[in-house]
Amino acid sequence: MLRRENSLKINQERFNALRDVTSAMREEGLRKCGLIFGIDYTMSNKVQGEKTFDGKNLHEISEDCLNPYQEVISILGETLQPLDSDGLIPAYGFGDFVTKGDDIFPLKDYGSCVGFREVLQTYNRITPDIKLFRPTNFAPLIRKAINIVKQSKKYHILVIAADGQVNAEEDTIQAIVDASNYPLSIICVGVGDGPWGMMKEFDTRLPKRTFDNFQFLDFHDVVSHARNRQTAFALHALMEIPDQYHAIQELGLLERLQEDEEA
């Protein structure tokens, strides 16, 4: 497996436009996939927008502009929705006062959201009433995504939008390692000011996995100097997906799910 920094450099040289990434997906046979969203509701969202969001709470909802979470949902939702075979998108929150770092909660009261627009609408409706808390733990969300993949028997992309460093590091690392045994890609988007030192090194410090299933990117760093922030973000977020899906196929992870069901 290529080291993370080498792999990223190769992909940046390989893909110059979003259409290059989507073409590579099709070449690898990726026609349909599932999409899952996870949203960070920890307390640090109140202060992590000091530099990158005009000092506002990263979850602030207004008519003037989209907050970073709204942008992540909108851009990746619109980009990936054509690949979503059933249009249903499970969306979850974590780190709030109720679930803390031990569990997750569905954004929608009943069932999955129908399309990314309902994910965004649901986020807009419930977020003002959610009490932010702590800590930051991706593990319950990743394990939920694994269960969704096992039940659906199809490839999924999990998008985690989070504002800070992971507190429950060992638990999260183990969940990522476990997820590499399934047809699941994890895109972690850092929103807000950072710092992102640990997250940027996260991939290289992970134990040996079945395939390189985890990617981190700094949202502000990607879009701040881009002529088209939507295209730039989608390009950087998805550029590792073709190689990940190729690895999933080579390893037979989708076929293994079918065999487990038959057994």
C-alpha atoms as a PDB file:
ATOM      1  CA  MET A   1       0.000   0.000   0.000  1.00  0.00           C
ATOM      2  CA  LEU A   2       1.378   3.404  -0.966  1.00  0.00           C
ATOM      3  CA  ARG A   3       2.148   5.822   1.816  1.00  0.00           C
ATOM      4  CA  ARG A   4      -0.575   8.442   2.149  1.00  0.00           C
ATOM      5  CA  GLU A   5       1.535  11.422   1.010  1.00  0.00           C
ATOM      6  CA  ASN A   6       2.815   9.585  -2.084  1.00  0.00           C
ATOM      7  CA  SER A   7      -0.664   8.385  -3.005  1.00  0.00           C
ATOM      8  CA  LEU A   8      -2.075  11.898  -2.635  1.00  0.00           C
ATOM      9  CA  LYS A   9       0.659  13.390  -4.827  1.00  0.00           C
ATOM     10  CA  ILE A  10       0.026  10.805  -7.530  1.00  0.00           C
ATOM     11  CA  ASN A  11      -3.721  11.475  -7.481  1.00  0.00           C
ATOM     12  CA  GLN A  12      -3.201  15.244  -7.656  1.00  0.00           C
ATOM     13  CA  GLU A  13      -1.072  14.743 -10.754  1.00  0.00           C
ATOM     14  CA  ARG A  14      -3.549  12.253 -12.199  1.00  0.00           C
ATOM     15  CA  PHE A  15      -6.758  14.242 -11.731  1.00  0.00           C
ATOM     16  CA  ASN A  16      -7.028  17.855 -12.853  1.00  0.00           C
ATOM     17  CA  ALA A  17     -10.811  18.109 -13.004  1.00  0.00           C
ATOM     18  CA  LEU A  18     -13.810  16.504 -11.342  1.00  0.00           C
ATOM     19  CA  ARG A  19     -14.791  14.828 -14.609  1.00  0.00           C
ATOM     20  CA  ASP A  20     -11.435  12.993 -14.537  1.00  0.00           C
ATOM     21  CA  VAL A  21     -12.374  11.449 -11.182  1.00  0.00           C
ATOM     22  CA  THR A  22     -15.880  10.489 -12.250  1.00  0.00           C
ATOM     23  CA  SER A  23     -14.474   8.959 -15.449  1.00  0.00           C
ATOM     24  CA  ALA A  24     -12.004   6.921 -13.382  1.00  0.00           C
ATOM     25  CA  MET A  25     -14.889   5.727 -11.197  1.00  0.00           C
ATOM     26  CA  ARG A  26     -16.744   4.489 -14.258  1.00  0.00           C
ATOM     27  CA  GLU A  27     -13.605   2.806 -15.593  1.00  0.00           C
ATOM     28  CA  GLU A  28     -13.356   0.847 -12.346  1.00  0.00           C
ATOM     29  CA  GLY A  29     -16.966  -0.249 -12.766  1.00  0.00           C
ATOM     30  CA  LEU A  30     -18.391   2.026 -10.090  1.00  0.00           C
ATOM     31  CA  ARG A  31     -21.886   2.758 -11.307  1.00  0.00           C
ATOM     32  CA  LYS A  32     -23.835   2.680  -8.057  1.00  0.00           C
ATOM     33  CA  CYS A  33     -23.023   3.169  -4.402  1.00  0.00           C
ATOM     34  CA  GLY A  34     -24.612   4.142  -1.128  1.00  0.00           C
ATOM     35  CA  LEU A  35     -23.947   7.396   0.706  1.00  0.00           C
ATOM     36  CA  ILE A  36     -23.888   7.996   4.479  1.00  0.00           C
ATOM     37  CA  PHE A  37     -23.374  11.321   6.282  1.00  0.00           C
ATOM     38  CA  GLY A  38     -22.070  11.901   9.811  1.00  0.00           C
ATOM     39  CA  ILE A  39     -22.173  15.350  11.465  1.00  0.00           C
ATOM     40  CA  ASP A  40     -20.094  16.507  14.443  1.00  0.00           C
ATOM     41  CA  TYR A  41     -22.134  18.228  17.187  1.00  0.00           C
ATOM     42  CA  THR A  42     -19.370  18.713  19.741  1.00  0.00           C
ATOM     43  CA  MET A  43     -18.948  21.869  21.825  1.00  0.00           C
ATOM     44  CA  SER A  44     -15.833  23.028  19.977  1.00  0.00           C
ATOM     45  CA  ASN A  45     -18.000  24.019  17.008  1.00  0.00           C
ATOM     46  CA  LYS A  46     -18.764  27.206  18.943  1.00  0.00           C
ATOM     47  CA  VAL A  47     -15.167  28.440  18.741  1.00  0.00           C
ATOM     48  CA  GLN A  48     -13.660  26.662  15.736  1.00  0.00           C
ATOM     49  CA  GLY A  49     -14.926  29.259  13.273  1.00  0.00           C
ATOM     50  CA  GLU A  50     -12.875  32.122  14.685  1.00  0.00           C
ATOM     51  CA  LYS A  51     -10.565  32.317  11.657  1.00  0.00           C
ATOM     52  CA  THR A  52     -12.428  30.469   8.931  1.00  0.00           C
ATOM     53  CA  PHE A  53     -16.086  31.383   9.573  1.00  0.00           C
ATOM     54  CA  ASP A  54     -15.969  34.997  10.782  1.00  0.00           C
ATOM     55  CA  GLY A  55     -15.895  33.966  14.429  1.00  0.00           C
ATOM     56  CA  LYS A  56     -19.297  32.297  14.210  1.00  0.00           C
ATOM     57  CA  ASN A  57     -20.478  28.935  15.469  1.00  0.00           C
ATOM     58  CA  LEU A  58     -19.765  26.473  12.643  1.00  0.00           C
ATOM     59  CA  HIS A  59     -23.368  25.279  12.963  1.00  0.00           C
ATOM     60  CA  GLU A  60     -24.879  28.763  12.677  1.00  0.00           C
ATOM     61  CA  ILE A  61     -27.721  28.740  10.176  1.00  0.00           C
ATOM     62  CA  SER A  62     -28.612  31.941   8.372  1.00  0.00           C
ATOM     63  CA  GLU A  63     -30.005  33.140   5.066  1.00  0.00           C
ATOM     64  CA  ASP A  64     -26.800  35.042   4.277  1.00  0.00           C
ATOM     65  CA  CYS A  65     -24.452  32.132   3.664  1.00  0.00           C
ATOM     66  CA  LEU A  66     -24.034  28.396   4.057  1.00  0.00           C
ATOM     67  CA  ASN A  67     -22.073  27.141   7.024  1.00  0.00           C
ATOM     68  CA  PRO A  68     -19.290  24.584   6.361  1.00  0.00           C
ATOM     69  CA  TYR A  69     -21.499  21.608   7.232  1.00  0.00           C
ATOM     70  CA  GLN A  70     -24.170  22.788   4.814  1.00  0.00           C
ATOM     71  CA  GLU A  71     -21.544  23.148   2.099  1.00  0.00           C
ATOM     72  CA  VAL A  72     -20.176  19.646   2.661  1.00  0.00           C
ATOM     73  CA  ILE A  73     -23.659  18.133   2.510  1.00  0.00           C
ATOM     74  CA  SER A  74     -24.603  20.158  -0.563  1.00  0.00           C
ATOM     75  CA  ILE A  75     -21.448  19.612  -2.609  1.00  0.00           C
ATOM     76  CA  LEU A  76     -20.817  15.932  -1.952  1.00  0.00           C
ATOM     77  CA  GLY A  77     -24.525  15.140  -1.882  1.00  0.00           C
ATOM     78  CA  GLU A  78     -25.106  16.684  -5.288  1.00  0.00           C
ATOM     79  CA  THR A  79     -21.952  15.089  -6.721  1.00  0.00           C
ATOM     80  CA  LEU A  80     -22.619  11.574  -5.446  1.00  0.00           C
ATOM     81  CA  GLN A  81     -26.414  11.410  -5.558  1.00  0.00           C
ATOM     82  CA  PRO A  82     -26.458  10.249  -9.219  1.00  0.00           C
ATOM     83  CA  LEU A  83     -24.535   7.157  -8.061  1.00  0.00           C
ATOM     84  CA  ASP A  84     -26.931   6.425  -5.189  1.00  0.00           C
ATOM     85  CA  SER A  85     -28.976   3.466  -6.376  1.00  0.00           C
ATOM     86  CA  ASP A  86     -32.020   3.948  -4.125  1.00  0.00           C
ATOM     87  CA  GLY A  87     -31.742   7.664  -3.301  1.00  0.00           C
ATOM     88  CA  LEU A  88     -31.892   6.923   0.426  1.00  0.00           C
ATOM     89  CA  ILE A  89     -29.165   8.554   2.536  1.00  0.00           C
ATOM     90  CA  PRO A  90     -28.744   7.636   6.211  1.00  0.00           C
ATOM     91  CA  ALA A  91     -27.520  10.698   8.131  1.00  0.00           C
ATOM     92  CA  TYR A  92     -26.376  10.784  11.750  1.00  0.00           C
ATOM     93  CA  GLY A  93     -25.112  13.196  14.371  1.00  0.00           C
ATOM     94  CA  PHE A  94     -22.616  12.537  17.155  1.00  0.00           C
ATOM     95  CA  GLY A  95     -21.018  14.365  20.077  1.00  0.00           C
ATOM     96  CA  ASP A  96     -24.223  16.062  21.280  1.00  0.00           C
ATOM     97  CA  PHE A  97     -25.371  16.238  24.916  1.00  0.00           C
ATOM     98  CA  VAL A  98     -27.568  13.139  24.619  1.00  0.00           C
ATOM     99  CA  THR A  99     -25.265  10.691  22.813  1.00  0.00           C
ATOM    100  CA  LYS A 100     -21.941  12.213  23.923  1.00  0.00           C
ATOM    101  CA  GLY A 101     -19.121  10.026  22.587  1.00  0.00           C
ATOM    102  CA  ASP A 102     -20.883   6.726  23.113  1.00  0.00           C
ATOM    103  CA  ASP A 103     -23.534   6.657  20.412  1.00  0.00           C
ATOM    104  CA  ILE A 104     -25.011   8.415  17.385  1.00  0.00           C
ATOM    105  CA  PHE A 105     -28.487   9.690  16.557  1.00  0.00           C
ATOM    106  CA  PRO A 106     -30.351   9.806  13.216  1.00  0.00           C
ATOM    107  CA  LEU A 107     -30.960  13.304  11.900  1.00  0.00           C
ATOM    108  CA  LYS A 108     -34.359  12.168  10.663  1.00  0.00           C
ATOM    109  CA  ASP A 109     -36.819  10.735  13.185  1.00  0.00           C
ATOM    110  CA  TYR A 110     -37.883   7.843  10.990  1.00  0.00           C
ATOM    111  CA  GLY A 111     -36.019   6.192   8.125  1.00  0.00           C
ATOM    112  CA  SER A 112     -33.310   7.563   5.859  1.00  0.00           C
ATOM    113  CA  CYS A 113     -33.371  10.914   4.098  1.00  0.00           C
ATOM    114  CA  VAL A 114     -34.558  10.844   0.501  1.00  0.00           C
ATOM    115  CA  GLY A 115     -31.783  12.565  -1.416  1.00  0.00           C
ATOM    116  CA  PHE A 116     -29.208  15.046  -0.200  1.00  0.00           C
ATOM    117  CA  ARG A 117     -31.714  17.903  -0.226  1.00  0.00           C
ATOM    118  CA  GLU A 118     -33.683  16.212   2.534  1.00  0.00           C
ATOM    119  CA  VAL A 119     -30.420  15.652   4.434  1.00  0.00           C
ATOM    120  CA  LEU A 120     -29.804  19.400   4.210  1.00  0.00           C
ATOM    121  CA  GLN A 121     -33.383  20.312   5.084  1.00  0.00           C
ATOM    122  CA  THR A 122     -33.358  17.989   8.083  1.00  0.00           C
ATOM    123  CA  TYR A 123     -30.006  19.339   9.241  1.00  0.00           C
ATOM    124  CA  ASN A 124     -31.323  22.906   8.979  1.00  0.00           C
ATOM    125  CA  ARG A 125     -34.450  22.043  10.959  1.00  0.00           C
ATOM    126  CA  ILE A 126     -32.939  20.140  13.885  1.00  0.00           C
ATOM    127  CA  THR A 127     -29.546  21.794  14.372  1.00  0.00           C
ATOM    128  CA  PRO A 128     -30.719  24.940  16.236  1.00  0.00           C
ATOM    129  CA  ASP A 129     -32.233  22.733  18.965  1.00  0.00           C
ATOM    130  CA  ILE A 130     -29.271  20.399  19.458  1.00  0.00           C
ATOM    131  CA  LYS A 131     -27.161  20.937  22.575  1.00  0.00           C
ATOM    132  CA  LEU A 132     -23.500  20.610  21.683  1.00  0.00           C
ATOM    133  CA  PHE A 133     -21.294  18.533  23.981  1.00  0.00           C
ATOM    134  CA  ARG A 134     -18.274  16.182  23.685  1.00  0.00           C
ATOM    135  CA  PRO A 135     -16.109  14.150  23.072  1.00  0.00           C
ATOM    136  CA  THR A 136     -15.247  13.518  19.411  1.00  0.00           C
ATOM    137  CA  ASN A 137     -15.469   9.805  18.651  1.00  0.00           C
ATOM    138  CA  PHE A 138     -15.966   8.468  15.137  1.00  0.00           C
ATOM    139  CA  ALA A 139     -16.164   4.825  16.190  1.00  0.00           C
ATOM    140  CA  PRO A 140     -19.947   4.474  16.771  1.00  0.00           C
ATOM    141  CA  LEU A 141     -20.634   6.129  13.400  1.00  0.00           C
ATOM    142  CA  ILE A 142     -18.133   3.933  11.533  1.00  0.00           C
ATOM    143  CA  ARG A 143     -19.548   0.794  13.124  1.00  0.00           C
ATOM    144  CA  LYS A 144     -23.054   1.869  12.124  1.00  0.00           C
ATOM    145  CA  ALA A 145     -21.804   2.331   8.550  1.00  0.00           C
ATOM    146  CA  ILE A 146     -20.318  -1.180   8.633  1.00  0.00           C
ATOM    147  CA  ASN A 147     -23.703  -2.586   9.670  1.00  0.00           C
ATOM    148  CA  ILE A 148     -25.420  -0.691   6.842  1.00  0.00           C
ATOM    149  CA  VAL A 149     -22.951  -2.157   4.354  1.00  0.00           C
ATOM    150  CA  LYS A 150     -23.435  -5.685   5.740  1.00  0.00           C
ATOM    151  CA  GLN A 151     -27.218  -5.392   5.480  1.00  0.00           C
ATOM    152  CA  SER A 152     -27.332  -3.762   2.045  1.00  0.00           C
ATOM    153  CA  LYS A 153     -24.533  -5.856   0.484  1.00  0.00           C
ATOM    154  CA  LYS A 154     -23.306  -2.868  -1.529  1.00  0.00           C
ATOM    155  CA  TYR A 155     -20.455  -0.370  -1.596  1.00  0.00           C
ATOM    156  CA  HIS A 156     -20.900   2.796   0.471  1.00  0.00           C
ATOM    157  CA  ILE A 157     -19.081   6.077   0.972  1.00  0.00           C
ATOM    158  CA  LEU A 158     -19.197   7.464   4.517  1.00  0.00           C
ATOM    159  CA  VAL A 159     -18.688  11.232   4.742  1.00  0.00           C
ATOM    160  CA  ILE A 160     -17.757  12.490   8.217  1.00  0.00           C
ATOM    161  CA  ALA A 161     -17.803  16.265   8.693  1.00  0.00           C
ATOM    162  CA  ALA A 162     -16.055  17.191  11.936  1.00  0.00           C
ATOM    163  CA  ASP A 163     -14.507  20.277  13.495  1.00  0.00           C
ATOM    164  CA  GLY A 164     -11.727  18.909  15.658  1.00  0.00           C
ATOM    165  CA  GLN A 165      -9.315  16.221  16.654  1.00  0.00           C
ATOM    166  CA  VAL A 166     -10.576  12.819  17.722  1.00  0.00           C
ATOM    167  CA  ASN A 167     -10.556  12.306  21.502  1.00  0.00           C
ATOM    168  CA  ALA A 168     -11.330   8.573  21.516  1.00  0.00           C
ATOM    169  CA  GLU A 169      -8.357   7.832  19.273  1.00  0.00           C
ATOM    170  CA  GLU A 170      -7.849   4.118  19.933  1.00  0.00           C
ATOM    171  CA  ASP A 171     -11.537   3.302  19.566  1.00  0.00           C
ATOM    172  CA  THR A 172     -11.711   5.253  16.300  1.00  0.00           C
ATOM    173  CA  ILE A 173      -8.536   3.634  14.937  1.00  0.00           C
ATOM    174  CA  GLN A 174      -9.882   0.152  15.621  1.00  0.00           C
ATOM    175  CA  ALA A 175     -13.184   1.006  13.927  1.00  0.00           C
ATOM    176  CA  ILE A 176     -11.338   2.234  10.803  1.00  0.00           C
ATOM    177  CA  VAL A 177      -9.245  -0.947  10.729  1.00  0.00           C
ATOM    178  CA  ASP A 178     -12.378  -3.085  11.095  1.00  0.00           C
ATOM    179  CA  ALA A 179     -14.078  -1.122   8.303  1.00  0.00           C
ATOM    180  CA  SER A 180     -11.275  -2.014   5.884  1.00  0.00           C
ATOM    181  CA  ASN A 181     -12.715  -5.542   5.744  1.00  0.00           C
ATOM    182  CA  TYR A 182     -15.832  -4.198   4.039  1.00  0.00           C
ATOM    183  CA  PRO A 183     -16.666  -2.297   0.819  1.00  0.00           C
ATOM    184  CA  LEU A 184     -16.692   1.068   2.589  1.00  0.00           C
ATOM    185  CA  SER A 185     -14.738   4.257   1.890  1.00  0.00           C
ATOM    186  CA  ILE A 186     -14.420   6.884   4.638  1.00  0.00           C
ATOM    187  CA  ILE A 187     -13.964  10.557   3.760  1.00  0.00           C
ATOM    188  CA  CYS A 188     -13.320  12.739   6.797  1.00  0.00           C
ATOM    189  CA  VAL A 189     -13.750  16.471   6.131  1.00  0.00           C
ATOM    190  CA  GLY A 190     -12.247  18.854   8.674  1.00  0.00           C
ATOM    191  CA  VAL A 191     -14.303  22.040   8.982  1.00  0.00           C
ATOM    192  CA  GLY A 192     -13.205  25.102  10.914  1.00  0.00           C
ATOM    193  CA  ASP A 193      -9.816  26.329  12.090  1.00  0.00           C
ATOM    194  CA  GLY A 194      -8.044  23.128  13.077  1.00  0.00           C
ATOM    195  CA  PRO A 195      -5.243  22.416  13.875  1.00  0.00           C
ATOM    196  CA  TRP A 196      -5.317  19.205  11.891  1.00  0.00           C
ATOM    197  CA  GLY A 197      -1.890  17.778  12.661  1.00  0.00           C
ATOM    198  CA  MET A 198      -3.136  14.528  14.148  1.00  0.00           C
ATOM    199  CA  MET A 199      -5.831  14.046  11.518  1.00  0.00           C
ATOM    200  CA  LYS A 200      -3.369  14.599   8.659  1.00  0.00           C
ATOM    201  CA  GLU A 201      -1.094  11.965  10.151  1.00  0.00           C
ATOM    202  CA  PHE A 202      -3.967   9.673  11.088  1.00  0.00           C
ATOM    203  CA  ASP A 203      -3.833   7.626   7.912  1.00  0.00           C
ATOM    204  CA  THR A 204      -0.093   6.954   8.054  1.00  0.00           C
ATOM    205  CA  ARG A 205      -0.249   5.981  11.740  1.00  0.00           C
ATOM    206  CA  LEU A 206      -3.100   3.515  11.343  1.00  0.00           C
ATOM    207  CA  PRO A 207      -2.245  -0.186  11.745  1.00  0.00           C
ATOM    208  CA  LYS A 208      -2.178  -2.396   8.687  1.00  0.00           C
ATOM    209  CA  ARG A 209      -5.562  -2.466   6.979  1.00  0.00           C
ATOM    210  CA  THR A 210      -7.024  -4.613   4.229  1.00  0.00           C
ATOM    211  CA  PHE A 211      -6.942  -1.521   2.005  1.00  0.00           C
ATOM    212  CA  ASP A 212      -6.412   2.238   2.426  1.00  0.00           C
ATOM    213  CA  ASN A 213     -10.006   3.117   3.290  1.00  0.00           C
ATOM    214  CA  PHE A 214      -9.621   6.492   5.043  1.00  0.00           C
ATOM    215  CA  GLN A 215      -9.011   9.970   3.635  1.00  0.00           C
ATOM    216  CA  PHE A 216      -8.834  13.291   5.466  1.00  0.00           C
ATOM    217  CA  LEU A 217      -9.033  16.750   3.912  1.00  0.00           C
ATOM    218  CA  ASP A 218      -9.116  20.260   5.345  1.00  0.00           C
ATOM    219  CA  PHE A 219     -12.203  21.957   3.895  1.00  0.00           C
ATOM    220  CA  HIS A 220     -10.967  25.537   4.319  1.00  0.00           C
ATOM    221  CA  ASP A 221      -7.525  24.752   2.927  1.00  0.00           C
ATOM    222  CA  VAL A 222      -9.053  23.225  -0.206  1.00  0.00           C
ATOM    223  CA  VAL A 223     -11.648  25.901  -0.979  1.00  0.00           C
ATOM    224  CA  SER A 224     -10.055  29.132   0.291  1.00  0.00           C
ATOM    225  CA  HIS A 225      -7.999  29.802  -2.845  1.00  0.00           C
ATOM    226  CA  ALA A 226     -10.087  27.887  -5.386  1.00  0.00           C
ATOM    227  CA  ARG A 227     -11.761  29.654  -8.296  1.00  0.00           C
ATOM    228  CA  ASN A 228     -14.683  27.250  -7.994  1.00  0.00           C
ATOM    229  CA  ARG A 229     -14.917  26.044  -4.400  1.00  0.00           C
ATOM    230  CA  GLN A 230     -17.599  23.431  -5.134  1.00  0.00           C
ATOM    231  CA  THR A 231     -15.623  21.735  -7.895  1.00  0.00           C
ATOM    232  CA  ALA A 232     -12.322  21.984  -6.026  1.00  0.00           C
ATOM    233  CA  PHE A 233     -13.771  20.407  -2.904  1.00  0.00           C
ATOM    234  CA  ALA A 234     -15.537  17.583  -4.752  1.00  0.00           C
ATOM    235  CA  LEU A 235     -12.351  16.856  -6.717  1.00  0.00           C
ATOM    236  CA  HIS A 236     -10.153  16.613  -3.617  1.00  0.00           C
ATOM    237  CA  ALA A 237     -12.728  14.638  -1.643  1.00  0.00           C
ATOM    238  CA  LEU A 238     -13.269  11.989  -4.304  1.00  0.00           C
ATOM    239  CA  MET A 239      -9.847  11.576  -5.898  1.00  0.00           C
ATOM    240  CA  GLU A 240      -9.004   8.478  -3.846  1.00  0.00           C
ATOM    241  CA  ILE A 241     -12.330   6.732  -4.508  1.00  0.00           C
ATOM    242  CA  PRO A 242     -11.335   5.106  -7.850  1.00  0.00           C
ATOM    243  CA  ASP A 243      -8.288   3.415  -6.301  1.00  0.00           C
ATOM    244  CA  GLN A 244     -10.227   2.409  -3.194  1.00  0.00           C
ATOM    245  CA  TYR A 245     -12.997   0.856  -5.264  1.00  0.00           C
ATOM    246  CA  HIS A 246     -10.394  -0.938  -7.398  1.00  0.00           C
ATOM    247  CA  ALA A 247      -8.883  -2.405  -4.215  1.00  0.00           C
ATOM    248  CA  ILE A 248     -12.326  -3.472  -2.996  1.00  0.00           C
ATOM    249  CA  GLN A 249     -12.907  -5.312  -6.261  1.00  0.00           C
ATOM    250  CA  GLU A 250      -9.452  -6.919  -6.256  1.00  0.00           C
ATOM    251  CA  LEU A 251      -9.989  -8.132  -2.695  1.00  0.00           C
ATOM    252  CA  GLY A 252     -13.467  -9.471  -3.473  1.00  0.00           C
ATOM    253  CA  LEU A 253     -15.030  -7.662  -0.511  1.00  0.00           C
ATOM    254  CA  LEU A 254     -18.435  -7.307  -2.208  1.00  0.00           C
ATOM    255  CA  GLU A 255     -18.458 -10.972  -3.198  1.00  0.00           C
ATOM    256  CA  ARG A 256     -17.525 -11.937   0.356  1.00  0.00           C
ATOM    257  CA  LEU A 257     -20.675 -10.215   1.665  1.00  0.00           C
ATOM    258  CA  GLN A 258     -22.806 -12.259  -0.720  1.00  0.00           C
ATOM    259  CA  GLU A 259     -21.042 -15.467   0.320  1.00  0.00           C
ATOM    260  CA  ASP A 260     -21.577 -14.687   4.010  1.00  0.00           C
ATOM    261  CA  GLU A 261     -25.303 -14.267   3.354  1.00  0.00           C
ATOM    262  CA  GLU A 262     -25.545 -17.564   1.473  1.00  0.00           C
ATOM    263  CA  ALA A 263     -23.629 -19.362   4.224  1.00  0.00           C
END
